[in-house]
Amino acid sequence: MSLKYGVLGLLKGEPLHGYEVKNRFESMLGGTWEVNIGQIYTTLQRLERDGLVRPVGPRGDRGKLLYELSPEGQKALDQWLAQPDSGPQQLHEDIYVKLLLATRIANGDLGQLLARQKRAYLQRLRDLNRLEERARRDGRIDLARLVRGALLHTEADLKWMDELSSEHFGTEGAKPE
């Protein structure tokens, strides 16, 4: 969903072709989301079909086609930006399904799953801290703010893992694998 609106937002500034959309989208997010060029072109085609973007002029060198935001696309983007987000945590995310299934399949033995997930969250914290430092160093305060939000969510997820480990193993915390 956010790729669709990310494309619309990028086209609000100026007409772009697919590779420019891809590069600017990835750059906007500090390289944290690599998008397949096929995904970009599929999204552009869908947006054109839905009347949210339109081609500008004939194909350029190497067959590139510029796209611009249509008035309908501007309206859709404005509506999307005005709506509050439901939040990053949805109960259909993989971790929740894994925990429920692991509880059933392993008769409640979540030790290894919790330990692996905690290590993954710790690595994510390290990666996000590096990204936030780089963004601030590069003067990308917009990206630093975004990463800060991801850091806070990851810290909350890590705290949750600790709570689950405490419940699972009593007050000792998670046992190592």
Foldseek 3Di string as FASTA:
>chain_A
DVLLLLLLVVQAVDWDWLVVSQVVSCVLQVNPDHDDSVVSVVSVVVCVVVVQKDWDDAQDPPRTTIIHGDPVVVVVSVVVVPDDDPDDDDCPDPVNVVQVVCCVVVVHPCQVVLQVVLVVLVVLLVVLVVSLVVCVVVVNVVNNVVSVVVNVVSVVVNVVSQVSQCVSVPNPTGDHD
